[in-house]
PDB file of all heavy atoms in Angstrom:
ATOM      1  N   GLY A   1     -32.736-103.364 -38.392  1.00  0.00           N
ATOM      2  CA  GLY A   1     -33.521-103.328 -37.170  1.00  0.00           C
ATOM      3  C   GLY A   1     -32.813-102.697 -35.981  1.00  0.00           C
ATOM      4  O   GLY A   1     -33.397-102.580 -34.904  1.00  0.00           O
ATOM      5  N   ALA A   2     -31.540-102.290 -36.172  1.00  0.00           N
ATOM      6  CA  ALA A   2     -30.796-101.663 -35.079  1.00  0.00           C
ATOM      7  C   ALA A   2     -31.359-100.271 -34.804  1.00  0.00           C
ATOM      8  O   ALA A   2     -31.860 -99.605 -35.710  1.00  0.00           O
ATOM      9  CB  ALA A   2     -29.308-101.560 -35.432  1.00  0.00           C
ATOM     10  N   PRO A   3     -31.307 -99.809 -33.555  1.00  0.00           N
ATOM     11  CA  PRO A   3     -31.803 -98.465 -33.247  1.00  0.00           C
ATOM     12  C   PRO A   3     -30.969 -97.398 -33.947  1.00  0.00           C
ATOM     13  O   PRO A   3     -29.775 -97.602 -34.211  1.00  0.00           O
ATOM     14  CB  PRO A   3     -31.668 -98.372 -31.730  1.00  0.00           C
ATOM     15  CG  PRO A   3     -30.604 -99.356 -31.370  1.00  0.00           C
ATOM     16  CD  PRO A   3     -30.749-100.478 -32.358  1.00  0.00           C
ATOM     17  N   LEU A   4     -31.589 -96.274 -34.247  1.00  0.00           N
ATOM     18  CA  LEU A   4     -30.839 -95.156 -34.826  1.00  0.00           C
ATOM     19  C   LEU A   4     -29.874 -94.589 -33.791  1.00  0.00           C
ATOM     20  O   LEU A   4     -28.714 -94.286 -34.098  1.00  0.00           O
ATOM     21  CB  LEU A   4     -31.805 -94.060 -35.285  1.00  0.00           C
ATOM     22  CG  LEU A   4     -31.139 -92.845 -35.923  1.00  0.00           C
ATOM     23  CD1 LEU A   4     -30.664 -93.185 -37.334  1.00  0.00           C
ATOM     24  CD2 LEU A   4     -32.099 -91.659 -35.959  1.00  0.00           C
ATOM     25  N   LEU A   5     -30.353 -94.472 -32.547  1.00  0.00           N
ATOM     26  CA  LEU A   5     -29.555 -93.907 -31.468  1.00  0.00           C
ATOM     27  C   LEU A   5     -29.513 -94.880 -30.308  1.00  0.00           C
ATOM     28  O   LEU A   5     -30.548 -95.384 -29.879  1.00  0.00           O
ATOM     29  CB  LEU A   5     -30.157 -92.576 -31.001  1.00  0.00           C
ATOM     30  CG  LEU A   5     -29.470 -91.891 -29.824  1.00  0.00           C
ATOM     31  CD1 LEU A   5     -28.081 -91.387 -30.225  1.00  0.00           C
ATOM     32  CD2 LEU A   5     -30.326 -90.735 -29.298  1.00  0.00           C
ATOM     33  N   ASP A   6     -28.311 -95.130 -29.790  1.00  0.00           N
ATOM     34  CA  ASP A   6     -28.142 -96.048 -28.667  1.00  0.00           C
ATOM     35  C   ASP A   6     -27.268 -95.372 -27.613  1.00  0.00           C
ATOM     36  O   ASP A   6     -26.090 -95.106 -27.850  1.00  0.00           O
ATOM     37  CB  ASP A   6     -27.489 -97.354 -29.150  1.00  0.00           C
ATOM     38  CG  ASP A   6     -27.463 -98.424 -28.065  1.00  0.00           C
ATOM     39  OD1 ASP A   6     -28.159 -98.248 -27.045  1.00  0.00           O
ATOM     40  OD2 ASP A   6     -26.761 -99.426 -28.247  1.00  0.00           O
ATOM     41  N   VAL A   7     -27.869 -95.059 -26.482  1.00  0.00           N
ATOM     42  CA  VAL A   7     -27.165 -94.428 -25.362  1.00  0.00           C
ATOM     43  C   VAL A   7     -26.918 -95.516 -24.321  1.00  0.00           C
ATOM     44  O   VAL A   7     -27.863 -96.168 -23.861  1.00  0.00           O
ATOM     45  CB  VAL A   7     -28.005 -93.282 -24.755  1.00  0.00           C
ATOM     46  CG1 VAL A   7     -27.303 -92.682 -23.542  1.00  0.00           C
ATOM     47  CG2 VAL A   7     -28.283 -92.211 -25.812  1.00  0.00           C
ATOM     48  N   ALA A   8     -25.657 -95.738 -23.948  1.00  0.00           N
ATOM     49  CA  ALA A   8     -25.323 -96.865 -23.067  1.00  0.00           C
ATOM     50  C   ALA A   8     -24.443 -96.425 -21.905  1.00  0.00           C
ATOM     51  O   ALA A   8     -23.274 -96.056 -22.099  1.00  0.00           O
ATOM     52  CB  ALA A   8     -24.607 -97.952 -23.871  1.00  0.00           C
ATOM     53  N   GLY A   9     -25.008 -96.414 -20.708  1.00  0.00           N
ATOM     54  CA  GLY A   9     -24.239 -96.175 -19.488  1.00  0.00           C
ATOM     55  C   GLY A   9     -23.563 -94.820 -19.419  1.00  0.00           C
ATOM     56  O   GLY A   9     -22.459 -94.704 -18.876  1.00  0.00           O
ATOM     57  N   VAL A  10     -24.214 -93.782 -19.929  1.00  0.00           N
ATOM     58  CA  VAL A  10     -23.578 -92.464 -19.984  1.00  0.00           C
ATOM     59  C   VAL A  10     -23.595 -91.798 -18.608  1.00  0.00           C
ATOM     60  O   VAL A  10     -24.635 -91.681 -17.965  1.00  0.00           O
ATOM     61  CB  VAL A  10     -24.279 -91.560 -21.022  1.00  0.00           C
ATOM     62  CG1 VAL A  10     -23.813 -90.112 -20.892  1.00  0.00           C
ATOM     63  CG2 VAL A  10     -23.985 -92.075 -22.421  1.00  0.00           C
ATOM     64  N   THR A  11     -22.408 -91.369 -18.178  1.00  0.00           N
ATOM     65  CA  THR A  11     -22.242 -90.673 -16.902  1.00  0.00           C
ATOM     66  C   THR A  11     -21.533 -89.347 -17.146  1.00  0.00           C
ATOM     67  O   THR A  11     -20.518 -89.305 -17.853  1.00  0.00           O
ATOM     68  CB  THR A  11     -21.430 -91.527 -15.913  1.00  0.00           C
ATOM     69  OG1 THR A  11     -22.160 -92.718 -15.606  1.00  0.00           O
ATOM     70  CG2 THR A  11     -21.161 -90.773 -14.622  1.00  0.00           C
ATOM     71  N   VAL A  12     -22.082 -88.293 -16.548  1.00  0.00           N
ATOM     72  CA  VAL A  12     -21.479 -86.957 -16.646  1.00  0.00           C
ATOM     73  C   VAL A  12     -21.425 -86.366 -15.243  1.00  0.00           C
ATOM     74  O   VAL A  12     -22.432 -86.357 -14.526  1.00  0.00           O
ATOM     75  CB  VAL A  12     -22.286 -86.025 -17.566  1.00  0.00           C
ATOM     76  CG1 VAL A  12     -21.700 -84.616 -17.560  1.00  0.00           C
ATOM     77  CG2 VAL A  12     -22.325 -86.575 -18.991  1.00  0.00           C
ATOM     78  N   ARG A  13     -20.250 -85.874 -14.855  1.00  0.00           N
ATOM     79  CA  ARG A  13     -20.095 -85.217 -13.562  1.00  0.00           C
ATOM     80  C   ARG A  13     -19.557 -83.807 -13.761  1.00  0.00           C
ATOM     81  O   ARG A  13     -18.695 -83.572 -14.600  1.00  0.00           O
ATOM     82  CB  ARG A  13     -19.128 -86.000 -12.661  1.00  0.00           C
ATOM     83  CG  ARG A  13     -19.663 -87.312 -12.140  1.00  0.00           C
ATOM     84  CD  ARG A  13     -18.679 -87.949 -11.161  1.00  0.00           C
ATOM     85  NE  ARG A  13     -19.234 -89.147 -10.527  1.00  0.00           N
ATOM     86  CZ  ARG A  13     -19.148 -90.368 -11.019  1.00  0.00           C
ATOM     87  NH1 ARG A  13     -18.530 -90.554 -12.175  1.00  0.00           N
ATOM     88  NH2 ARG A  13     -19.682 -91.397 -10.389  1.00  0.00           N
ATOM     89  N   PHE A  14     -20.075 -82.888 -12.956  1.00  0.00           N
ATOM     90  CA  PHE A  14     -19.546 -81.533 -12.902  1.00  0.00           C
ATOM     91  C   PHE A  14     -19.046 -81.316 -11.472  1.00  0.00           C
ATOM     92  O   PHE A  14     -19.822 -81.010 -10.572  1.00  0.00           O
ATOM     93  CB  PHE A  14     -20.622 -80.503 -13.243  1.00  0.00           C
ATOM     94  CG  PHE A  14     -21.199 -80.667 -14.630  1.00  0.00           C
ATOM     95  CD1 PHE A  14     -22.507 -81.066 -14.809  1.00  0.00           C
ATOM     96  CD2 PHE A  14     -20.415 -80.414 -15.750  1.00  0.00           C
ATOM     97  CE1 PHE A  14     -23.038 -81.215 -16.075  1.00  0.00           C
ATOM     98  CE2 PHE A  14     -20.938 -80.567 -17.031  1.00  0.00           C
ATOM     99  CZ  PHE A  14     -22.249 -80.968 -17.200  1.00  0.00           C
ATOM    100  N   GLY A  15     -17.745 -81.548 -11.265  1.00  0.00           N
ATOM    101  CA  GLY A  15     -17.210 -81.509  -9.919  1.00  0.00           C
ATOM    102  C   GLY A  15     -17.812 -82.652  -9.118  1.00  0.00           C
ATOM    103  O   GLY A  15     -17.761 -83.818  -9.511  1.00  0.00           O
ATOM    104  N   GLY A  16     -18.451 -82.322  -7.990  1.00  0.00           N
ATOM    105  CA  GLY A  16     -19.072 -83.355  -7.173  1.00  0.00           C
ATOM    106  C   GLY A  16     -20.513 -83.640  -7.540  1.00  0.00           C
ATOM    107  O   GLY A  16     -21.165 -84.475  -6.891  1.00  0.00           O
ATOM    108  N   ILE A  17     -21.034 -82.970  -8.559  1.00  0.00           N
ATOM    109  CA  ILE A  17     -22.426 -83.150  -8.966  1.00  0.00           C
ATOM    110  C   ILE A  17     -22.507 -84.177 -10.086  1.00  0.00           C
ATOM    111  O   ILE A  17     -21.826 -84.044 -11.114  1.00  0.00           O
ATOM    112  CB  ILE A  17     -23.045 -81.819  -9.426  1.00  0.00           C
ATOM    113  CG1 ILE A  17     -23.033 -80.813  -8.283  1.00  0.00           C
ATOM    114  CG2 ILE A  17     -24.466 -82.026  -9.952  1.00  0.00           C
ATOM    115  CD1 ILE A  17     -23.457 -79.420  -8.690  1.00  0.00           C
ATOM    116  N   VAL A  18     -23.340 -85.183  -9.909  1.00  0.00           N
ATOM    117  CA  VAL A  18     -23.555 -86.190 -10.943  1.00  0.00           C
ATOM    118  C   VAL A  18     -24.769 -85.757 -11.763  1.00  0.00           C
ATOM    119  O   VAL A  18     -25.909 -85.836 -11.297  1.00  0.00           O
ATOM    120  CB  VAL A  18     -23.792 -87.586 -10.332  1.00  0.00           C
ATOM    121  CG1 VAL A  18     -23.993 -88.614 -11.447  1.00  0.00           C
ATOM    122  CG2 VAL A  18     -22.613 -87.982  -9.448  1.00  0.00           C
ATOM    123  N   ALA A  19     -24.514 -85.268 -12.982  1.00  0.00           N
ATOM    124  CA  ALA A  19     -25.597 -84.787 -13.843  1.00  0.00           C
ATOM    125  C   ALA A  19     -26.302 -85.935 -14.559  1.00  0.00           C
ATOM    126  O   ALA A  19     -27.518 -85.887 -14.772  1.00  0.00           O
ATOM    127  CB  ALA A  19     -25.052 -83.793 -14.862  1.00  0.00           C
ATOM    128  N   LEU A  20     -25.545 -86.958 -14.956  1.00  0.00           N
ATOM    129  CA  LEU A  20     -26.104 -88.168 -15.555  1.00  0.00           C
ATOM    130  C   LEU A  20     -25.406 -89.357 -14.914  1.00  0.00           C
ATOM    131  O   LEU A  20     -24.171 -89.371 -14.787  1.00  0.00           O
ATOM    132  CB  LEU A  20     -25.898 -88.191 -17.068  1.00  0.00           C
ATOM    133  CG  LEU A  20     -26.657 -87.168 -17.909  1.00  0.00           C
ATOM    134  CD1 LEU A  20     -26.215 -87.232 -19.370  1.00  0.00           C
ATOM    135  CD2 LEU A  20     -28.169 -87.386 -17.803  1.00  0.00           C
ATOM    136  N   ASP A  21     -26.194 -90.377 -14.551  1.00  0.00           N
ATOM    137  CA  ASP A  21     -25.652 -91.517 -13.822  1.00  0.00           C
ATOM    138  C   ASP A  21     -26.038 -92.820 -14.521  1.00  0.00           C
ATOM    139  O   ASP A  21     -27.135 -93.332 -14.363  1.00  0.00           O
ATOM    140  CB  ASP A  21     -26.196 -91.496 -12.385  1.00  0.00           C
ATOM    141  CG  ASP A  21     -25.590 -92.586 -11.509  1.00  0.00           C
ATOM    142  OD1 ASP A  21     -24.655 -93.277 -11.966  1.00  0.00           O
ATOM    143  OD2 ASP A  21     -26.068 -92.750 -10.372  1.00  0.00           O
ATOM    144  N   GLN A  22     -25.129 -93.313 -15.370  1.00  0.00           N
ATOM    145  CA  GLN A  22     -25.320 -94.600 -16.046  1.00  0.00           C
ATOM    146  C   GLN A  22     -26.639 -94.643 -16.841  1.00  0.00           C
ATOM    147  O   GLN A  22     -27.393 -95.619 -16.765  1.00  0.00           O
ATOM    148  CB  GLN A  22     -25.289 -95.741 -15.029  1.00  0.00           C
ATOM    149  CG  GLN A  22     -23.939 -95.955 -14.368  1.00  0.00           C
ATOM    150  CD  GLN A  22     -22.929 -96.584 -15.305  1.00  0.00           C
ATOM    151  OE1 GLN A  22     -23.216 -97.557 -16.013  1.00  0.00           O
ATOM    152  NE2 GLN A  22     -21.736 -96.011 -15.342  1.00  0.00           N
ATOM    153  N   VAL A  23     -26.897 -93.614 -17.612  1.00  0.00           N
ATOM    154  CA  VAL A  23     -28.146 -93.531 -18.378  1.00  0.00           C
ATOM    155  C   VAL A  23     -28.036 -94.354 -19.652  1.00  0.00           C
ATOM    156  O   VAL A  23     -27.076 -94.210 -20.421  1.00  0.00           O
ATOM    157  CB  VAL A  23     -28.497 -92.069 -18.712  1.00  0.00           C
ATOM    158  CG1 VAL A  23     -29.679 -91.990 -19.679  1.00  0.00           C
ATOM    159  CG2 VAL A  23     -28.816 -91.299 -17.434  1.00  0.00           C
ATOM    160  N   SER A  24     -29.032 -95.218 -19.878  1.00  0.00           N
ATOM    161  CA  SER A  24     -29.073 -96.063 -21.077  1.00  0.00           C
ATOM    162  C   SER A  24     -30.490 -96.082 -21.642  1.00  0.00           C
ATOM    163  O   SER A  24     -31.457 -96.212 -20.893  1.00  0.00           O
ATOM    164  CB  SER A  24     -28.657 -97.502 -20.750  1.00  0.00           C
ATOM    165  OG  SER A  24     -27.331 -97.564 -20.261  1.00  0.00           O
ATOM    166  N   PHE A  25     -30.593 -95.931 -22.969  1.00  0.00           N
ATOM    167  CA  PHE A  25     -31.854 -96.142 -23.675  1.00  0.00           C
ATOM    168  C   PHE A  25     -31.549 -96.134 -25.180  1.00  0.00           C
ATOM    169  O   PHE A  25     -30.459 -95.715 -25.600  1.00  0.00           O
ATOM    170  CB  PHE A  25     -32.905 -95.080 -23.330  1.00  0.00           C
ATOM    171  CG  PHE A  25     -32.560 -93.679 -23.768  1.00  0.00           C
ATOM    172  CD1 PHE A  25     -32.999 -93.180 -24.987  1.00  0.00           C
ATOM    173  CD2 PHE A  25     -31.808 -92.850 -22.940  1.00  0.00           C
ATOM    174  CE1 PHE A  25     -32.677 -91.888 -25.385  1.00  0.00           C
ATOM    175  CE2 PHE A  25     -31.494 -91.563 -23.325  1.00  0.00           C
ATOM    176  CZ  PHE A  25     -31.932 -91.075 -24.559  1.00  0.00           C
TER     177      PHE A  25
END
């Protein structure tokens, strides 16, 4: 019953730009 894909708190920055901010699903 576990999900196939689990994204938890993903953050990506390019210099001062935050492209992803704590994304979870």
